[in-house]
Protein backbone atom coordinates (compact mmCIF):
# COMPACT_ATOMS: atom_id res chain seq x y z
CA MET A 1 128.07 -43.65 83.23
CA LYS A 2 124.27 -44.36 83.06
CA GLU A 3 124.07 -44.70 86.85
CA ASP A 4 125.79 -41.26 87.25
CA LEU A 5 123.31 -39.63 84.77
CA LEU A 6 120.34 -41.15 86.61
CA LYS A 7 121.75 -40.08 89.83
CA PHE A 8 122.46 -36.35 88.59
CA ILE A 9 119.26 -36.14 86.47
CA PRO A 10 116.45 -38.28 87.96
CA GLU A 11 114.02 -36.87 85.44
CA PHE A 12 115.17 -39.37 82.97
CA ASN A 13 112.82 -41.62 84.98
CA LEU A 14 109.96 -39.57 83.94
CA ILE A 15 109.91 -41.12 80.40
CA LYS A 16 107.39 -44.01 80.62
CA ASP A 17 108.57 -45.62 77.30
CA THR A 18 111.61 -47.70 78.57
CA ASP A 19 112.97 -48.03 74.99
CA LEU A 20 112.83 -44.23 74.42
CA LYS A 21 114.55 -43.67 77.87
CA GLU A 22 117.31 -45.86 77.04
CA LYS A 23 117.87 -44.19 73.53
CA VAL A 24 117.96 -40.81 75.41
CA LEU A 25 120.43 -42.10 77.91
CA LYS A 26 122.57 -43.50 74.94
CA VAL A 27 122.60 -40.10 73.30
CA TRP A 28 123.84 -38.52 76.58
CA ASP A 29 126.47 -41.24 76.65
CA ILE A 30 127.43 -40.56 73.04
CA ALA A 31 127.67 -36.81 73.69
CA LEU A 32 129.66 -37.09 76.86
CA LYS A 33 132.20 -39.28 74.95
CA ALA A 34 132.25 -37.19 71.96
CA GLY A 35 133.18 -33.95 74.09
CA ASN A 36 135.52 -35.98 76.23
CA TRP A 37 133.47 -35.38 79.32
CA GLU A 38 132.57 -37.43 82.34
CA ALA A 39 129.10 -37.23 83.84
CA LYS A 40 130.58 -35.51 86.83
CA ASP A 41 131.77 -32.63 84.73
CA LEU A 42 128.28 -31.73 84.01
CA GLN A 43 127.98 -30.38 87.80
CA ARG A 44 130.67 -27.78 86.82
CA MET A 45 129.77 -27.18 83.30
CA PRO A 46 127.77 -23.86 82.80
CA PHE A 47 124.43 -24.23 81.03
CA THR A 48 125.52 -21.11 78.97
CA LEU A 49 128.62 -19.18 78.05
CA LEU A 50 126.53 -16.10 77.46
CA ILE A 51 126.39 -15.29 81.40
CA ASP A 52 129.92 -15.04 83.01
CA PRO A 53 130.02 -16.21 85.63
CA CYS A 54 127.13 -18.66 84.92
CA PRO A 55 125.31 -19.17 88.18
CA CYS A 56 123.95 -22.69 87.25
CA SER A 57 125.24 -25.87 85.87
CA MET A 58 124.17 -27.88 83.00
CA ILE A 59 122.58 -30.35 85.29
CA GLU A 60 120.52 -27.73 87.09
CA HIS A 61 119.33 -26.10 83.76
CA VAL A 62 118.34 -29.43 82.11
CA ARG A 63 116.29 -30.43 85.24
CA GLY A 64 114.94 -27.01 85.25
CA VAL A 65 113.79 -27.09 81.75
CA VAL A 66 112.41 -30.70 82.14
CA ASN A 67 110.37 -29.74 85.20
CA VAL A 68 109.04 -26.46 83.78
CA SER A 69 107.94 -28.40 80.74
CA VAL A 70 106.29 -31.24 82.56
CA ASN A 71 104.26 -28.71 84.76
CA ALA A 72 103.34 -26.46 81.74
CA ALA A 73 102.05 -29.56 79.95
CA LYS A 74 100.10 -30.59 83.16
CA ALA A 75 98.67 -27.03 83.44
CA LEU A 76 97.59 -27.13 79.69
CA LYS A 77 95.90 -30.43 79.87
CA GLY A 78 94.24 -29.56 83.29
CA VAL A 79 92.54 -26.49 81.59
CA TYR A 80 92.09 -27.59 77.96
CA GLU A 81 91.83 -31.48 78.59
CA ASP A 82 91.51 -33.10 75.33
CA LYS A 83 91.81 -29.96 73.21
CA VAL A 84 95.45 -30.16 73.62
CA LYS A 85 97.45 -33.09 72.63
CA ILE A 86 100.97 -33.46 74.12
CA ASN A 87 103.17 -36.47 73.89
CA GLU A 88 104.63 -36.45 77.39
CA ASP A 89 107.35 -38.82 76.69
CA TYR A 90 108.40 -36.76 73.70
CA LEU A 91 108.23 -33.69 75.59
CA ILE A 92 110.44 -35.06 78.48
CA ALA A 93 112.90 -36.61 76.03
CA GLY A 94 113.15 -33.16 74.17
CA ALA A 95 113.61 -31.26 77.27
CA LEU A 96 116.30 -33.71 78.36
CA LEU A 97 118.16 -33.57 75.06
CA HIS A 98 117.52 -29.86 74.10
CA ASP A 99 121.02 -28.75 74.98
CA ILE A 100 122.69 -32.15 74.51
CA GLY A 101 124.85 -30.36 71.55
CA LYS A 102 126.43 -28.25 74.13
CA LEU A 103 128.59 -31.20 75.23
CA VAL A 104 130.36 -30.87 71.81
CA GLU A 105 130.01 -27.04 71.57
CA TYR A 106 131.91 -26.53 74.82
CA LYS A 107 135.40 -27.53 75.84
CA GLU A 108 137.35 -26.78 78.97
CA GLU A 109 140.65 -25.09 78.60
CA ASN A 110 142.84 -23.95 81.52
CA GLY A 111 139.97 -24.46 83.80
CA ARG A 112 137.59 -22.35 81.91
CA PHE A 113 134.68 -23.44 79.60
CA ILE A 114 134.82 -21.96 76.17
CA GLN A 115 133.40 -22.66 72.79
CA SER A 116 135.08 -25.52 70.84
CA ASN A 117 135.97 -25.06 67.37
CA GLY A 118 133.12 -27.19 66.28
CA GLY A 119 130.77 -25.06 68.52
CA LYS A 120 131.82 -21.99 66.76
CA LEU A 121 130.84 -23.55 63.41
CA VAL A 122 127.65 -25.59 64.53
CA ARG A 123 125.40 -24.30 67.23
CA HIS A 124 124.02 -26.92 69.77
CA PRO A 125 120.67 -27.26 68.46
CA ILE A 126 122.09 -28.59 65.05
CA SER A 127 124.90 -30.63 66.75
CA GLY A 128 122.35 -32.03 69.16
CA VAL A 129 120.06 -33.38 66.35
CA GLY A 130 123.31 -34.82 64.78
CA LEU A 131 123.92 -36.74 67.91
CA CYS A 132 120.54 -38.25 67.72
CA TYR A 133 120.79 -39.45 64.31
CA GLY A 134 121.11 -43.28 64.04
CA GLN A 135 120.16 -43.71 67.70
CA GLY A 136 116.41 -44.22 67.18
CA ILE A 137 115.27 -40.92 68.52
CA PRO A 138 111.94 -39.99 67.01
CA GLU A 139 111.78 -37.22 64.57
CA GLU A 140 109.45 -35.26 66.92
CA VAL A 141 112.04 -35.22 69.60
CA MET A 142 114.86 -34.15 67.19
CA HIS A 143 112.41 -31.28 66.19
CA ILE A 144 112.21 -30.17 69.78
CA ILE A 145 116.04 -30.03 69.98
CA ALA A 146 116.36 -28.34 66.53
CA SER A 147 113.61 -25.67 67.34
CA HIS A 148 114.22 -25.02 71.08
CA SER A 149 116.31 -21.74 70.32
CA TRP A 150 116.37 -19.12 67.80
CA GLU A 151 117.07 -21.46 65.08
CA GLY A 152 113.31 -22.63 65.31
CA ASP A 153 111.79 -19.17 65.28
CA HIS A 154 110.83 -19.46 61.57
CA SER A 155 109.40 -22.91 61.90
CA ARG A 156 106.12 -24.27 62.98
CA ARG A 157 106.77 -25.92 66.29
CA THR A 158 104.90 -28.92 67.61
CA PRO A 159 103.16 -28.31 70.90
CA GLU A 160 106.09 -30.15 72.73
CA ALA A 161 108.62 -27.98 71.08
CA ILE A 162 106.47 -24.65 72.03
CA ILE A 163 106.56 -25.89 75.71
CA VAL A 164 110.36 -26.72 75.63
CA HIS A 165 111.20 -23.52 73.85
CA HIS A 166 109.54 -21.45 76.50
CA ALA A 167 110.74 -23.64 79.36
CA ASP A 168 114.26 -23.12 78.23
CA PHE A 169 113.96 -19.48 77.89
CA THR A 170 112.19 -19.18 81.23
CA ASN A 171 115.04 -20.81 82.86
CA PHE A 172 117.67 -18.80 80.93
CA GLU A 173 116.10 -15.48 81.58
CA GLN A 174 116.21 -15.82 85.26
CA PHE A 175 120.04 -15.49 85.30
CA LYS A 176 120.66 -12.77 82.62
């Protein structure tokens, strides 16, 4: 499964810390198994159930969020230099994992992707953090996952979480 994930989402290789990269891949593996998915299913899985039909897959969305996040961080550092502190590995890991909870929030029934029972009860930012616990994912990365959507609107986001939050909505709003 790891090879398929690396093929479909080459942005995993942007994480410089090999230990963190392996942990992020492990969470993806756990989430795929928990949702009874195969990596190839991510090519068909919509990134949102709020747009029907959804024009983009989960893979495209995750890749888009990672790339917008990386480029936003690069732009901020280019302008503000040392005035802005961004942990790039945490940023990338958070962008890769921001929607990981959707792998348990969704299910496929009669050829359609719908919300699972668990997804009706626990939204993906929360289940995403749950998938990370016990896997050695840094709290700073779990913070990005937990706060990337409206659940984080009343919390203080780290610079990395701010970037992923806006990258996510930049990618989402294009298709509404």
